[in-house]
PDB file of N, CA and C in Angstrom:
ATOM      1  N   UNK A   1      -2.516   0.018  15.996  1.00  0.00           N
ATOM      2  CA  UNK A   1      -1.666   1.172  16.193  1.00  0.00           C
ATOM      3  C   UNK A   1      -1.093   1.210  17.606  1.00  0.00           C
ATOM      4  N   UNK A   2      -1.642   0.435  18.514  1.00  0.00           N
ATOM      5  CA  UNK A   2      -1.149   0.501  19.888  1.00  0.00           C
ATOM      6  C   UNK A   2       0.215  -0.177  20.044  1.00  0.00           C
ATOM      7  N   UNK A   3       0.455  -1.249  19.301  1.00  0.00           N
ATOM      8  CA  UNK A   3       1.742  -1.940  19.441  1.00  0.00           C
ATOM      9  C   UNK A   3       2.926  -1.064  18.997  1.00  0.00           C
ATOM     10  N   UNK A   4       2.835  -0.361  17.862  1.00  0.00           N
ATOM     11  CA  UNK A   4       3.949   0.538  17.523  1.00  0.00           C
ATOM     12  C   UNK A   4       4.129   1.661  18.543  1.00  0.00           C
ATOM     13  N   UNK A   5       3.044   2.146  19.116  1.00  0.00           N
ATOM     14  CA  UNK A   5       3.150   3.207  20.120  1.00  0.00           C
ATOM     15  C   UNK A   5       3.828   2.684  21.390  1.00  0.00           C
ATOM     16  N   UNK A   6       3.496   1.476  21.774  1.00  0.00           N
ATOM     17  CA  UNK A   6       4.145   0.873  22.950  1.00  0.00           C
ATOM     18  C   UNK A   6       5.625   0.645  22.672  1.00  0.00           C
ATOM     19  N   UNK A   7       5.928   0.163  21.469  1.00  0.00           N
ATOM     20  CA  UNK A   7       7.335  -0.044  21.092  1.00  0.00           C
ATOM     21  C   UNK A   7       8.090   1.274  21.074  1.00  0.00           C
ATOM     22  N   UNK A   8       7.448   2.329  20.583  1.00  0.00           N
ATOM     23  CA  UNK A   8       8.097   3.644  20.568  1.00  0.00           C
ATOM     24  C   UNK A   8       8.348   4.141  21.993  1.00  0.00           C
ATOM     25  N   UNK A   9       7.421   3.878  22.879  1.00  0.00           N
ATOM     26  CA  UNK A   9       7.613   4.264  24.280  1.00  0.00           C
ATOM     27  C   UNK A   9       8.781   3.517  24.915  1.00  0.00           C
ATOM     28  N   UNK A  10       8.878   2.227  24.611  1.00  0.00           N
ATOM     29  CA  UNK A  10       9.997   1.447  25.142  1.00  0.00           C
ATOM     30  C   UNK A  10      11.316   1.908  24.531  1.00  0.00           C
ATOM     31  N   UNK A  11      11.307   2.242  23.236  1.00  0.00           N
ATOM     32  CA  UNK A  11      12.521   2.719  22.576  1.00  0.00           C
ATOM     33  C   UNK A  11      12.944   4.077  23.129  1.00  0.00           C
ATOM     34  N   UNK A  12      11.971   4.881  23.545  1.00  0.00           N
ATOM     35  CA  UNK A  12      12.285   6.193  24.117  1.00  0.00           C
ATOM     36  C   UNK A  12      13.123   6.039  25.381  1.00  0.00           C
ATOM     37  N   UNK A  13      12.793   5.054  26.193  1.00  0.00           N
ATOM     38  CA  UNK A  13      13.534   4.837  27.434  1.00  0.00           C
ATOM     39  C   UNK A  13      14.970   4.397  27.156  1.00  0.00           C
ATOM     40  N   UNK A  14      15.176   3.659  26.077  1.00  0.00           N
ATOM     41  CA  UNK A  14      16.508   3.136  25.780  1.00  0.00           C
ATOM     42  C   UNK A  14      17.348   4.076  24.914  1.00  0.00           C
ATOM     43  N   UNK A  15      16.709   4.744  23.944  1.00  0.00           N
ATOM     44  CA  UNK A  15      17.464   5.532  22.968  1.00  0.00           C
ATOM     45  C   UNK A  15      17.225   7.036  23.051  1.00  0.00           C
ATOM     46  N   UNK A  16      16.256   7.448  23.817  1.00  0.00           N
ATOM     47  CA  UNK A  16      15.934   8.863  23.927  1.00  0.00           C
ATOM     48  C   UNK A  16      14.754   9.236  23.029  1.00  0.00           C
ATOM     49  N   UNK A  17      14.128  10.342  23.357  1.00  0.00           N
ATOM     50  CA  UNK A  17      12.921  10.751  22.663  1.00  0.00           C
ATOM     51  C   UNK A  17      13.190  11.107  21.205  1.00  0.00           C
ATOM     52  N   UNK A  18      14.246  11.849  20.955  1.00  0.00           N
ATOM     53  CA  UNK A  18      14.536  12.292  19.588  1.00  0.00           C
ATOM     54  C   UNK A  18      14.799  11.101  18.652  1.00  0.00           C
ATOM     55  N   UNK A  19      15.628  10.178  19.076  1.00  0.00           N
ATOM     56  CA  UNK A  19      15.957   9.014  18.250  1.00  0.00           C
ATOM     57  C   UNK A  19      14.732   8.134  18.025  1.00  0.00           C
ATOM     58  N   UNK A  20      13.964   7.905  19.083  1.00  0.00           N
ATOM     59  CA  UNK A  20      12.763   7.079  18.962  1.00  0.00           C
ATOM     60  C   UNK A  20      11.738   7.747  18.036  1.00  0.00           C
ATOM     61  N   UNK A  21      11.611   9.059  18.126  1.00  0.00           N
ATOM     62  CA  UNK A  21      10.669   9.780  17.267  1.00  0.00           C
ATOM     63  C   UNK A  21      11.079   9.677  15.807  1.00  0.00           C
ATOM     64  N   UNK A  22      12.362   9.863  15.538  1.00  0.00           N
ATOM     65  CA  UNK A  22      12.835   9.750  14.157  1.00  0.00           C
ATOM     66  C   UNK A  22      12.651   8.333  13.612  1.00  0.00           C
ATOM     67  N   UNK A  23      12.946   7.352  14.404  1.00  0.00           N
ATOM     68  CA  UNK A  23      12.776   5.961  13.969  1.00  0.00           C
ATOM     69  C   UNK A  23      11.304   5.652  13.715  1.00  0.00           C
ATOM     70  N   UNK A  24      10.424   6.121  14.586  1.00  0.00           N
ATOM     71  CA  UNK A  24       8.990   5.893  14.428  1.00  0.00           C
ATOM     72  C   UNK A  24       8.478   6.573  13.155  1.00  0.00           C
ATOM     73  N   UNK A  25       8.917   7.811  12.926  1.00  0.00           N
ATOM     74  CA  UNK A  25       8.489   8.550  11.736  1.00  0.00           C
ATOM     75  C   UNK A  25       8.996   7.880  10.463  1.00  0.00           C
ATOM     76  N   UNK A  26      10.234   7.421  10.465  1.00  0.00           N
ATOM     77  CA  UNK A  26      10.790   6.751   9.291  1.00  0.00           C
ATOM     78  C   UNK A  26      10.057   5.431   9.020  1.00  0.00           C
ATOM     79  N   UNK A  27       9.762   4.694  10.065  1.00  0.00           N
ATOM     80  CA  UNK A  27       9.038   3.433   9.892  1.00  0.00           C
ATOM     81  C   UNK A  27       7.638   3.700   9.328  1.00  0.00           C
ATOM     82  N   UNK A  28       6.959   4.720   9.833  1.00  0.00           N
ATOM     83  CA  UNK A  28       5.627   5.060   9.331  1.00  0.00           C
ATOM     84  C   UNK A  28       5.704   5.505   7.872  1.00  0.00           C
ATOM     85  N   UNK A  29       6.712   6.290   7.521  1.00  0.00           N
ATOM     86  CA  UNK A  29       6.871   6.754   6.137  1.00  0.00           C
ATOM     87  C   UNK A  29       7.163   5.587   5.198  1.00  0.00           C
ATOM     88  N   UNK A  30       8.014   4.664   5.618  1.00  0.00           N
ATOM     89  CA  UNK A  30       8.326   3.501   4.787  1.00  0.00           C
ATOM     90  C   UNK A  30       7.102   2.609   4.579  1.00  0.00           C
ATOM     91  N   UNK A  31       6.317   2.443   5.629  1.00  0.00           N
ATOM     92  CA  UNK A  31       5.088   1.656   5.495  1.00  0.00           C
ATOM     93  C   UNK A  31       4.092   2.341   4.566  1.00  0.00           C
ATOM     94  N   UNK A  32       4.018   3.664   4.632  1.00  0.00           N
ATOM     95  CA  UNK A  32       3.123   4.404   3.742  1.00  0.00           C
ATOM     96  C   UNK A  32       3.562   4.261   2.290  1.00  0.00           C
ATOM     97  N   UNK A  33       4.859   4.357   2.044  1.00  0.00           N
ATOM     98  CA  UNK A  33       5.382   4.197   0.679  1.00  0.00           C
ATOM     99  C   UNK A  33       5.112   2.777   0.178  1.00  0.00           C
ATOM    100  N   UNK A  34       5.302   1.807   1.028  1.00  0.00           N
ATOM    101  CA  UNK A  34       5.034   0.421   0.641  1.00  0.00           C
ATOM    102  C   UNK A  34       3.554   0.215   0.328  1.00  0.00           C
ATOM    103  N   UNK A  35       2.676   0.835   1.107  1.00  0.00           N
ATOM    104  CA  UNK A  35       1.243   0.707   0.864  1.00  0.00           C
ATOM    105  C   UNK A  35       0.846   1.358  -0.456  1.00  0.00           C
ATOM    106  N   UNK A  36       1.389   2.527  -0.745  1.00  0.00           N
ATOM    107  CA  UNK A  36       1.087   3.208  -2.008  1.00  0.00           C
ATOM    108  C   UNK A  36       1.617   2.390  -3.185  1.00  0.00           C
ATOM    109  N   UNK A  37       2.812   1.838  -3.051  1.00  0.00           N
ATOM    110  CA  UNK A  37       3.376   1.014  -4.122  1.00  0.00           C
ATOM    111  C   UNK A  37       2.526  -0.232  -4.361  1.00  0.00           C
ATOM    112  N   UNK A  38       2.079  -0.870  -3.300  1.00  0.00           N
ATOM    113  CA  UNK A  38       1.240  -2.061  -3.436  1.00  0.00           C
ATOM    114  C   UNK A  38      -0.101  -1.704  -4.063  1.00  0.00           C
ATOM    115  N   UNK A  39      -0.670  -0.571  -3.696  1.00  0.00           N
ATOM    116  CA  UNK A  39      -1.933  -0.140  -4.276  1.00  0.00           C
ATOM    117  C   UNK A  39      -1.771   0.158  -5.762  1.00  0.00           C
ATOM    118  N   UNK A  40      -0.719   0.853  -6.121  1.00  0.00           N
ATOM    119  CA  UNK A  40      -0.472   1.175  -7.524  1.00  0.00           C
ATOM    120  C   UNK A  40      -0.245  -0.098  -8.334  1.00  0.00           C
ATOM    121  N   UNK A  41       0.459  -1.030  -7.759  1.00  0.00           N
ATOM    122  CA  UNK A  41       0.724  -2.298  -8.448  1.00  0.00           C
ATOM    123  C   UNK A  41      -0.559  -3.088  -8.657  1.00  0.00           C
ATOM    124  N   UNK A  42      -1.407  -3.157  -7.636  1.00  0.00           N
ATOM    125  CA  UNK A  42      -2.658  -3.914  -7.763  1.00  0.00           C
ATOM    126  C   UNK A  42      -3.614  -3.223  -8.725  1.00  0.00           C
ATOM    127  N   UNK A  43      -3.641  -1.889  -8.732  1.00  0.00           N
ATOM    128  CA  UNK A  43      -4.495  -1.173  -9.679  1.00  0.00           C
ATOM    129  C   UNK A  43      -3.994  -1.364 -11.098  1.00  0.00           C
ATOM    130  N   UNK A  44      -2.691  -1.381 -11.276  1.00  0.00           N
ATOM    131  CA  UNK A  44      -2.127  -1.611 -12.598  1.00  0.00           C
ATOM    132  C   UNK A  44      -2.505  -2.981 -13.120  1.00  0.00           C
ATOM    133  N   UNK A  45      -2.461  -3.975 -12.265  1.00  0.00           N
ATOM    134  CA  UNK A  45      -2.857  -5.326 -12.667  1.00  0.00           C
ATOM    135  C   UNK A  45      -4.338  -5.375 -13.007  1.00  0.00           C
ATOM    136  N   UNK A  46      -5.159  -4.693 -12.199  1.00  0.00           N
ATOM    137  CA  UNK A  46      -6.599  -4.693 -12.447  1.00  0.00           C
ATOM    138  C   UNK A  46      -6.907  -4.005 -13.772  1.00  0.00           C
ATOM    139  N   UNK A  47      -6.250  -2.899 -14.049  1.00  0.00           N
ATOM    140  CA  UNK A  47      -6.475  -2.202 -15.308  1.00  0.00           C
ATOM    141  C   UNK A  47      -6.004  -3.041 -16.484  1.00  0.00           C
ATOM    142  N   UNK A  48      -4.881  -3.716 -16.315  1.00  0.00           N
ATOM    143  CA  UNK A  48      -4.357  -4.574 -17.386  1.00  0.00           C
ATOM    144  C   UNK A  48      -5.322  -5.721 -17.664  1.00  0.00           C
ATOM    145  N   UNK A  49      -5.852  -6.329 -16.625  1.00  0.00           N
ATOM    146  CA  UNK A  49      -6.796  -7.432 -16.783  1.00  0.00           C
ATOM    147  C   UNK A  49      -8.068  -6.945 -17.459  1.00  0.00           C
ATOM    148  N   UNK A  50      -8.577  -5.791 -17.033  1.00  0.00           N
ATOM    149  CA  UNK A  50      -9.782  -5.237 -17.637  1.00  0.00           C
ATOM    150  C   UNK A  50      -9.540  -4.916 -19.102  1.00  0.00           C
ATOM    151  N   UNK A  51      -8.388  -4.359 -19.415  1.00  0.00           N
ATOM    152  CA  UNK A  51      -8.049  -4.026 -20.796  1.00  0.00           C
ATOM    153  C   UNK A  51      -8.026  -5.277 -21.658  1.00  0.00           C
ATOM    154  N   UNK A  52      -7.449  -6.350 -21.155  1.00  0.00           N
ATOM    155  CA  UNK A  52      -7.408  -7.615 -21.899  1.00  0.00           C
ATOM    156  C   UNK A  52      -8.814  -8.155 -22.138  1.00  0.00           C
ATOM    157  N   UNK A  53      -9.666  -8.044 -21.144  1.00  0.00           N
ATOM    158  CA  UNK A  53     -11.034  -8.535 -21.296  1.00  0.00           C
ATOM    159  C   UNK A  53     -11.802  -7.695 -22.311  1.00  0.00           C
ATOM    160  N   UNK A  54     -11.553  -6.404 -22.326  1.00  0.00           N
ATOM    161  CA  UNK A  54     -12.227  -5.547 -23.296  1.00  0.00           C
ATOM    162  C   UNK A  54     -11.790  -5.871 -24.716  1.00  0.00           C
ATOM    163  N   UNK A  55     -10.513  -6.187 -24.896  1.00  0.00           N
ATOM    164  CA  UNK A  55     -10.024  -6.539 -26.223  1.00  0.00           C
ATOM    165  C   UNK A  55     -10.638  -7.838 -26.721  1.00  0.00           C
ATOM    166  N   UNK A  56     -10.923  -8.751 -25.820  1.00  0.00           N
ATOM    167  CA  UNK A  56     -11.479 -10.043 -26.203  1.00  0.00           C
ATOM    168  C   UNK A  56     -12.995 -10.004 -26.319  1.00  0.00           C
ATOM    169  N   UNK A  57     -13.635  -8.937 -25.849  1.00  0.00           N
ATOM    170  CA  UNK A  57     -15.092  -8.841 -25.889  1.00  0.00           C
ATOM    171  C   UNK A  57     -15.573  -8.719 -27.332  1.00  0.00           C
ATOM    172  N   UNK A  58     -16.720  -9.275 -27.614  1.00  0.00           N
ATOM    173  CA  UNK A  58     -17.254  -9.171 -28.977  1.00  0.00           C
ATOM    174  C   UNK A  58     -17.624  -7.725 -29.299  1.00  0.00           C
ATOM    175  N   UNK A  59     -17.468  -7.358 -30.540  1.00  0.00           N
ATOM    176  CA  UNK A  59     -17.783  -6.013 -30.965  1.00  0.00           C
ATOM    177  C   UNK A  59     -19.285  -5.812 -31.117  1.00  0.00           C
ATOM    178  N   UNK A  60     -19.985  -6.836 -31.513  1.00  0.00           N
ATOM    179  CA  UNK A  60     -21.414  -6.720 -31.733  1.00  0.00           C
ATOM    180  C   UNK A  60     -22.123  -7.485 -30.626  1.00  0.00           C
ATOM    181  N   UNK A  61     -22.732  -6.783 -29.709  1.00  0.00           N
ATOM    182  CA  UNK A  61     -23.399  -7.418 -28.561  1.00  0.00           C
ATOM    183  C   UNK A  61     -24.658  -8.145 -29.019  1.00  0.00           C
ATOM    184  N   UNK A  62     -25.279  -7.699 -30.073  1.00  0.00           N
ATOM    185  CA  UNK A  62     -26.509  -8.324 -30.556  1.00  0.00           C
ATOM    186  C   UNK A  62     -26.287  -9.775 -30.979  1.00  0.00           C
ATOM    187  N   UNK A  63     -25.079 -10.124 -31.354  1.00  0.00           N
ATOM    188  CA  UNK A  63     -24.789 -11.505 -31.743  1.00  0.00           C
ATOM    189  C   UNK A  63     -24.936 -12.478 -30.595  1.00  0.00           C
ATOM    190  N   UNK A  64     -24.810 -12.025 -29.368  1.00  0.00           N
ATOM    191  CA  UNK A  64     -24.819 -12.918 -28.206  1.00  0.00           C
ATOM    192  C   UNK A  64     -26.164 -12.942 -27.511  1.00  0.00           C
ATOM    193  N   UNK A  65     -27.180 -12.405 -28.111  1.00  0.00           N
ATOM    194  CA  UNK A  65     -28.510 -12.419 -27.456  1.00  0.00           C
ATOM    195  C   UNK A  65     -29.276 -13.645 -27.824  1.00  0.00           C
TER     196      UNK A  65
END
């Protein structure tokens, strides 16, 4: 988290506090949306894989003992 804060400080000197703050907030929001999308995608894949394994599982567990 220190590198984005340092970059925001440097951007403040060049573009002003308001512009740097808005850019920092937008970047953080976009990263959060990307993280949520990646999490939802990975959970969807995990659920799909589990569902496929359940469909292929034997119905009678006693047969495999």
